PDB file of all heavy atoms in Angstrom:
ATOM      1  N   ASP A   1       0.733   3.559 -11.459  1.00  0.00           N
ATOM      2  CA  ASP A   1      -0.036   2.331 -11.504  1.00  0.00           C
ATOM      3  C   ASP A   1       0.541   1.338 -10.429  1.00  0.00           C
ATOM      4  O   ASP A   1      -0.259   0.610  -9.750  1.00  0.00           O
ATOM      5  CB  ASP A   1       0.058   1.701 -12.898  1.00  0.00           C
ATOM      6  CG  ASP A   1      -0.625   2.625 -13.912  1.00  0.00           C
ATOM      7  OD1 ASP A   1      -1.476   3.463 -13.524  1.00  0.00           O
ATOM      8  OD2 ASP A   1      -0.334   2.430 -15.093  1.00  0.00           O
ATOM      9  N   TYR A   2       1.841   1.271 -10.324  1.00  0.00           N
ATOM     10  CA  TYR A   2       2.410   0.396  -9.271  1.00  0.00           C
ATOM     11  C   TYR A   2       1.939   0.847  -7.859  1.00  0.00           C
ATOM     12  O   TYR A   2       1.554  -0.071  -7.105  1.00  0.00           O
ATOM     13  CB  TYR A   2       3.907   0.419  -9.370  1.00  0.00           C
ATOM     14  CG  TYR A   2       4.597  -0.271  -8.162  1.00  0.00           C
ATOM     15  CD1 TYR A   2       4.879  -1.606  -8.150  1.00  0.00           C
ATOM     16  CD2 TYR A   2       4.985   0.521  -7.040  1.00  0.00           C
ATOM     17  CE1 TYR A   2       5.454  -2.260  -7.051  1.00  0.00           C
ATOM     18  CE2 TYR A   2       5.546  -0.085  -5.933  1.00  0.00           C
ATOM     19  CZ  TYR A   2       5.762  -1.462  -5.921  1.00  0.00           C
ATOM     20  OH  TYR A   2       6.339  -2.052  -4.826  1.00  0.00           O
ATOM     21  N   SER A   3       2.030   2.115  -7.613  1.00  0.00           N
ATOM     22  CA  SER A   3       1.640   2.626  -6.307  1.00  0.00           C
ATOM     23  C   SER A   3       0.291   2.174  -5.870  1.00  0.00           C
ATOM     24  O   SER A   3       0.043   1.784  -4.711  1.00  0.00           O
ATOM     25  CB  SER A   3       1.767   4.167  -6.257  1.00  0.00           C
ATOM     26  OG  SER A   3       3.136   4.511  -6.463  1.00  0.00           O
ATOM     27  N   ILE A   4      -0.702   2.245  -6.830  1.00  0.00           N
ATOM     28  CA  ILE A   4      -2.065   2.003  -6.395  1.00  0.00           C
ATOM     29  C   ILE A   4      -2.444   0.535  -6.585  1.00  0.00           C
ATOM     30  O   ILE A   4      -3.057  -0.090  -5.718  1.00  0.00           O
ATOM     31  CB  ILE A   4      -3.010   2.868  -7.239  1.00  0.00           C
ATOM     32  CG1 ILE A   4      -2.735   4.347  -7.017  1.00  0.00           C
ATOM     33  CG2 ILE A   4      -4.497   2.572  -7.045  1.00  0.00           C
ATOM     34  CD1 ILE A   4      -3.481   5.317  -7.927  1.00  0.00           C
ATOM     35  N   LYS A   5      -2.038  -0.039  -7.661  1.00  0.00           N
ATOM     36  CA  LYS A   5      -2.446  -1.414  -7.966  1.00  0.00           C
ATOM     37  C   LYS A   5      -1.684  -2.535  -7.275  1.00  0.00           C
ATOM     38  O   LYS A   5      -2.173  -3.555  -7.027  1.00  0.00           O
ATOM     39  CB  LYS A   5      -2.493  -1.716  -9.493  1.00  0.00           C
ATOM     40  CG  LYS A   5      -3.410  -0.761 -10.224  1.00  0.00           C
ATOM     41  CD  LYS A   5      -3.330  -0.941 -11.783  1.00  0.00           C
ATOM     42  CE  LYS A   5      -4.173   0.038 -12.552  1.00  0.00           C
ATOM     43  NZ  LYS A   5      -4.035  -0.180 -13.985  1.00  0.00           N
ATOM     44  N   ILE A   6      -0.407  -2.177  -6.963  1.00  0.00           N
ATOM     45  CA  ILE A   6       0.512  -3.273  -6.464  1.00  0.00           C
ATOM     46  C   ILE A   6       0.898  -2.992  -5.002  1.00  0.00           C
ATOM     47  O   ILE A   6       0.877  -3.861  -4.179  1.00  0.00           O
ATOM     48  CB  ILE A   6       1.783  -3.441  -7.336  1.00  0.00           C
ATOM     49  CG1 ILE A   6       1.352  -3.884  -8.763  1.00  0.00           C
ATOM     50  CG2 ILE A   6       2.716  -4.383  -6.726  1.00  0.00           C
ATOM     51  CD1 ILE A   6       2.437  -4.056  -9.740  1.00  0.00           C
ATOM     52  N   HIS A   7       1.273  -1.691  -4.688  1.00  0.00           N
ATOM     53  CA  HIS A   7       1.856  -1.467  -3.380  1.00  0.00           C
ATOM     54  C   HIS A   7       0.795  -1.038  -2.312  1.00  0.00           C
ATOM     55  O   HIS A   7       0.894  -1.428  -1.153  1.00  0.00           O
ATOM     56  CB  HIS A   7       2.936  -0.359  -3.456  1.00  0.00           C
ATOM     57  CG  HIS A   7       3.900  -0.385  -2.338  1.00  0.00           C
ATOM     58  ND1 HIS A   7       5.199  -0.873  -2.512  1.00  0.00           N
ATOM     59  CD2 HIS A   7       3.832  -0.046  -1.060  1.00  0.00           C
ATOM     60  CE1 HIS A   7       5.845  -0.833  -1.375  1.00  0.00           C
ATOM     61  NE2 HIS A   7       5.010  -0.316  -0.463  1.00  0.00           N
ATOM     62  N   GLN A   8      -0.178  -0.376  -2.723  1.00  0.00           N
ATOM     63  CA  GLN A   8      -1.141   0.157  -1.749  1.00  0.00           C
ATOM     64  C   GLN A   8      -1.936  -0.915  -1.071  1.00  0.00           C
ATOM     65  O   GLN A   8      -2.383  -1.892  -1.673  1.00  0.00           O
ATOM     66  CB  GLN A   8      -2.156   1.136  -2.428  1.00  0.00           C
ATOM     67  CG  GLN A   8      -3.148   1.818  -1.426  1.00  0.00           C
ATOM     68  CD  GLN A   8      -4.018   2.856  -2.158  1.00  0.00           C
ATOM     69  OE1 GLN A   8      -4.185   2.818  -3.343  1.00  0.00           O
ATOM     70  NE2 GLN A   8      -4.529   3.814  -1.384  1.00  0.00           N
ATOM     71  N   ASN A   9      -2.077  -0.825   0.295  1.00  0.00           N
ATOM     72  CA  ASN A   9      -2.950  -1.738   0.986  1.00  0.00           C
ATOM     73  C   ASN A   9      -4.412  -1.497   0.597  1.00  0.00           C
ATOM     74  O   ASN A   9      -4.825  -0.333   0.610  1.00  0.00           O
ATOM     75  CB  ASN A   9      -2.800  -1.519   2.524  1.00  0.00           C
ATOM     76  CG  ASN A   9      -3.337  -2.686   3.331  1.00  0.00           C
ATOM     77  OD1 ASN A   9      -3.400  -3.825   2.892  1.00  0.00           O
ATOM     78  ND2 ASN A   9      -3.763  -2.348   4.536  1.00  0.00           N
ATOM     79  N   PRO A  10      -5.105  -2.469   0.128  1.00  0.00           N
ATOM     80  CA  PRO A  10      -6.518  -2.143  -0.387  1.00  0.00           C
ATOM     81  C   PRO A  10      -7.325  -1.404   0.594  1.00  0.00           C
ATOM     82  O   PRO A  10      -7.409  -1.680   1.768  1.00  0.00           O
ATOM     83  CB  PRO A  10      -7.078  -3.590  -0.586  1.00  0.00           C
ATOM     84  CG  PRO A  10      -5.832  -4.419  -0.863  1.00  0.00           C
ATOM     85  CD  PRO A  10      -4.789  -3.838   0.004  1.00  0.00           C
ATOM     86  N   TYR A  11      -7.929  -0.270   0.111  1.00  0.00           N
ATOM     87  CA  TYR A  11      -8.790   0.569   0.898  1.00  0.00           C
ATOM     88  C   TYR A  11      -8.014   1.277   2.000  1.00  0.00           C
ATOM     89  O   TYR A  11      -8.592   1.717   2.972  1.00  0.00           O
ATOM     90  CB  TYR A  11      -9.929  -0.196   1.489  1.00  0.00           C
ATOM     91  CG  TYR A  11     -10.672  -0.956   0.432  1.00  0.00           C
ATOM     92  CD1 TYR A  11     -10.577  -2.414   0.449  1.00  0.00           C
ATOM     93  CD2 TYR A  11     -11.493  -0.398  -0.523  1.00  0.00           C
ATOM     94  CE1 TYR A  11     -11.251  -3.157  -0.540  1.00  0.00           C
ATOM     95  CE2 TYR A  11     -12.117  -1.153  -1.526  1.00  0.00           C
ATOM     96  CZ  TYR A  11     -11.983  -2.522  -1.486  1.00  0.00           C
ATOM     97  OH  TYR A  11     -12.637  -3.317  -2.406  1.00  0.00           O
ATOM     98  N   GLY A  12      -6.693   1.347   1.893  1.00  0.00           N
ATOM     99  CA  GLY A  12      -5.903   1.991   2.940  1.00  0.00           C
ATOM    100  C   GLY A  12      -4.692   2.758   2.369  1.00  0.00           C
ATOM    101  O   GLY A  12      -4.736   3.240   1.237  1.00  0.00           O
ATOM    102  N   GLY A  13      -3.705   2.759   3.166  1.00  0.00           N
ATOM    103  CA  GLY A  13      -2.464   3.556   2.798  1.00  0.00           C
ATOM    104  C   GLY A  13      -1.336   2.680   2.368  1.00  0.00           C
ATOM    105  O   GLY A  13      -1.529   1.639   1.691  1.00  0.00           O
ATOM    106  N   TRP A  14      -0.119   3.101   2.742  1.00  0.00           N
ATOM    107  CA  TRP A  14       1.084   2.382   2.189  1.00  0.00           C
ATOM    108  C   TRP A  14       2.099   2.219   3.369  1.00  0.00           C
ATOM    109  O   TRP A  14       2.080   2.916   4.385  1.00  0.00           O
ATOM    110  CB  TRP A  14       1.767   3.222   1.159  1.00  0.00           C
ATOM    111  CG  TRP A  14       1.040   3.382  -0.147  1.00  0.00           C
ATOM    112  CD1 TRP A  14       1.126   2.617  -1.252  1.00  0.00           C
ATOM    113  CD2 TRP A  14       0.057   4.333  -0.430  1.00  0.00           C
ATOM    114  NE1 TRP A  14       0.235   3.051  -2.221  1.00  0.00           N
ATOM    115  CE2 TRP A  14      -0.406   4.132  -1.739  1.00  0.00           C
ATOM    116  CE3 TRP A  14      -0.542   5.389   0.322  1.00  0.00           C
ATOM    117  CZ2 TRP A  14      -1.354   4.891  -2.375  1.00  0.00           C
ATOM    118  CZ3 TRP A  14      -1.515   6.194  -0.331  1.00  0.00           C
ATOM    119  CH2 TRP A  14      -1.881   5.950  -1.608  1.00  0.00           C
ATOM    120  N   ARG A  15       2.962   1.241   3.151  1.00  0.00           N
ATOM    121  CA  ARG A  15       4.096   1.034   4.043  1.00  0.00           C
ATOM    122  C   ARG A  15       5.288   0.554   3.246  1.00  0.00           C
ATOM    123  O   ARG A  15       5.363   0.640   2.012  1.00  0.00           O
ATOM    124  CB  ARG A  15       3.781  -0.016   5.162  1.00  0.00           C
ATOM    125  CG  ARG A  15       4.700   0.137   6.342  1.00  0.00           C
ATOM    126  CD  ARG A  15       4.132  -0.490   7.587  1.00  0.00           C
ATOM    127  NE  ARG A  15       5.038  -0.287   8.708  1.00  0.00           N
ATOM    128  CZ  ARG A  15       4.690  -0.519   9.991  1.00  0.00           C
ATOM    129  NH1 ARG A  15       3.511  -0.956  10.256  1.00  0.00           N
ATOM    130  NH2 ARG A  15       5.569  -0.259  10.947  1.00  0.00           N
ATOM    131  N   TYR A  16       6.358   0.042   3.900  1.00  0.00           N
ATOM    132  CA  TYR A  16       7.575  -0.400   3.239  1.00  0.00           C
ATOM    133  C   TYR A  16       7.274  -1.422   2.114  1.00  0.00           C
ATOM    134  O   TYR A  16       7.667  -1.370   1.007  1.00  0.00           O
ATOM    135  CB  TYR A  16       8.608  -0.947   4.207  1.00  0.00           C
ATOM    136  CG  TYR A  16       8.871  -0.113   5.391  1.00  0.00           C
ATOM    137  CD1 TYR A  16       8.841  -0.647   6.655  1.00  0.00           C
ATOM    138  CD2 TYR A  16       9.116   1.280   5.287  1.00  0.00           C
ATOM    139  CE1 TYR A  16       9.094   0.087   7.757  1.00  0.00           C
ATOM    140  CE2 TYR A  16       9.261   2.058   6.397  1.00  0.00           C
ATOM    141  CZ  TYR A  16       9.324   1.457   7.692  1.00  0.00           C
ATOM    142  OH  TYR A  16       9.546   2.147   8.822  1.00  0.00           O
ATOM    143  N   ASP A  17       6.595  -2.496   2.551  1.00  0.00           N
ATOM    144  CA  ASP A  17       6.264  -3.555   1.641  1.00  0.00           C
ATOM    145  C   ASP A  17       4.885  -3.359   1.011  1.00  0.00           C
ATOM    146  O   ASP A  17       4.028  -2.555   1.489  1.00  0.00           O
ATOM    147  CB  ASP A  17       6.147  -4.904   2.472  1.00  0.00           C
ATOM    148  CG  ASP A  17       7.517  -5.452   2.808  1.00  0.00           C
ATOM    149  OD1 ASP A  17       8.515  -4.975   2.242  1.00  0.00           O
ATOM    150  OD2 ASP A  17       7.597  -6.307   3.692  1.00  0.00           O
ATOM    151  N   ALA A  18       4.622  -4.117  -0.011  1.00  0.00           N
ATOM    152  CA  ALA A  18       3.375  -4.007  -0.711  1.00  0.00           C
ATOM    153  C   ALA A  18       2.236  -4.674   0.080  1.00  0.00           C
ATOM    154  O   ALA A  18       2.424  -5.785   0.675  1.00  0.00           O
ATOM    155  CB  ALA A  18       3.455  -4.638  -2.113  1.00  0.00           C
ATOM    156  N   LYS A  19       1.076  -3.976   0.096  1.00  0.00           N
ATOM    157  CA  LYS A  19      -0.148  -4.512   0.625  1.00  0.00           C
ATOM    158  C   LYS A  19      -0.017  -5.063   2.087  1.00  0.00           C
ATOM    159  O   LYS A  19      -0.537  -6.118   2.425  1.00  0.00           O
ATOM    160  CB  LYS A  19      -0.721  -5.648  -0.194  1.00  0.00           C
ATOM    161  CG  LYS A  19      -1.051  -5.164  -1.604  1.00  0.00           C
ATOM    162  CD  LYS A  19      -1.806  -6.244  -2.430  1.00  0.00           C
ATOM    163  CE  LYS A  19      -2.131  -5.865  -3.836  1.00  0.00           C
ATOM    164  NZ  LYS A  19      -2.381  -4.586  -4.174  1.00  0.00           N
ATOM    165  N   VAL A  20       0.645  -4.249   2.926  1.00  0.00           N
ATOM    166  CA  VAL A  20       0.770  -4.555   4.368  1.00  0.00           C
ATOM    167  C   VAL A  20       0.104  -3.394   5.189  1.00  0.00           C
ATOM    168  O   VAL A  20      -0.201  -2.374   4.600  1.00  0.00           O
ATOM    169  CB  VAL A  20       2.195  -4.849   4.804  1.00  0.00           C
ATOM    170  CG1 VAL A  20       2.773  -6.032   4.050  1.00  0.00           C
ATOM    171  CG2 VAL A  20       3.068  -3.614   4.631  1.00  0.00           C
ATOM    172  N   SER A  21      -0.015  -3.603   6.437  1.00  0.00           N
ATOM    173  CA  SER A  21      -0.627  -2.586   7.284  1.00  0.00           C
ATOM    174  C   SER A  21       0.173  -1.264   7.174  1.00  0.00           C
ATOM    175  O   SER A  21       1.453  -1.233   7.171  1.00  0.00           O
ATOM    176  CB  SER A  21      -0.611  -3.028   8.736  1.00  0.00           C
ATOM    177  OG  SER A  21       0.699  -3.274   9.186  1.00  0.00           O
ATOM    178  N   GLU A  22      -0.559  -0.177   7.097  1.00  0.00           N
ATOM    179  CA  GLU A  22       0.030   1.095   6.635  1.00  0.00           C
ATOM    180  C   GLU A  22       0.679   1.911   7.824  1.00  0.00           C
ATOM    181  O   GLU A  22       0.447   1.608   8.977  1.00  0.00           O
ATOM    182  CB  GLU A  22      -1.066   1.966   6.029  1.00  0.00           C
ATOM    183  CG  GLU A  22      -2.104   1.287   5.202  1.00  0.00           C
ATOM    184  CD  GLU A  22      -3.271   0.816   5.965  1.00  0.00           C
ATOM    185  OE1 GLU A  22      -3.124   0.183   7.063  1.00  0.00           O
ATOM    186  OE2 GLU A  22      -4.404   0.954   5.470  1.00  0.00           O
ATOM    187  N   ASP A  23       1.481   2.851   7.407  1.00  0.00           N
ATOM    188  CA  ASP A  23       1.958   3.870   8.370  1.00  0.00           C
ATOM    189  C   ASP A  23       1.852   5.290   7.798  1.00  0.00           C
ATOM    190  O   ASP A  23       1.860   5.387   6.532  1.00  0.00           O
ATOM    191  CB  ASP A  23       3.339   3.549   8.926  1.00  0.00           C
ATOM    192  CG  ASP A  23       4.429   3.844   7.926  1.00  0.00           C
ATOM    193  OD1 ASP A  23       4.606   4.937   7.451  1.00  0.00           O
ATOM    194  OD2 ASP A  23       5.192   2.874   7.606  1.00  0.00           O
ATOM    195  N   THR A  24       1.741   6.280   8.628  1.00  0.00           N
ATOM    196  CA  THR A  24       1.518   7.638   8.117  1.00  0.00           C
ATOM    197  C   THR A  24       2.677   8.167   7.394  1.00  0.00           C
ATOM    198  O   THR A  24       2.549   8.860   6.391  1.00  0.00           O
ATOM    199  CB  THR A  24       1.158   8.529   9.348  1.00  0.00           C
ATOM    200  OG1 THR A  24       0.027   8.076  10.047  1.00  0.00           O
ATOM    201  CG2 THR A  24       0.985   9.962   8.860  1.00  0.00           C
TER     202      THR A  24
END
């Protein structure tokens, strides 16, 4: 739940911080 609701950039992927521009 944390991964999707809190950390994932909306409609995108993930990076070090929550909800920031993603990296592969």
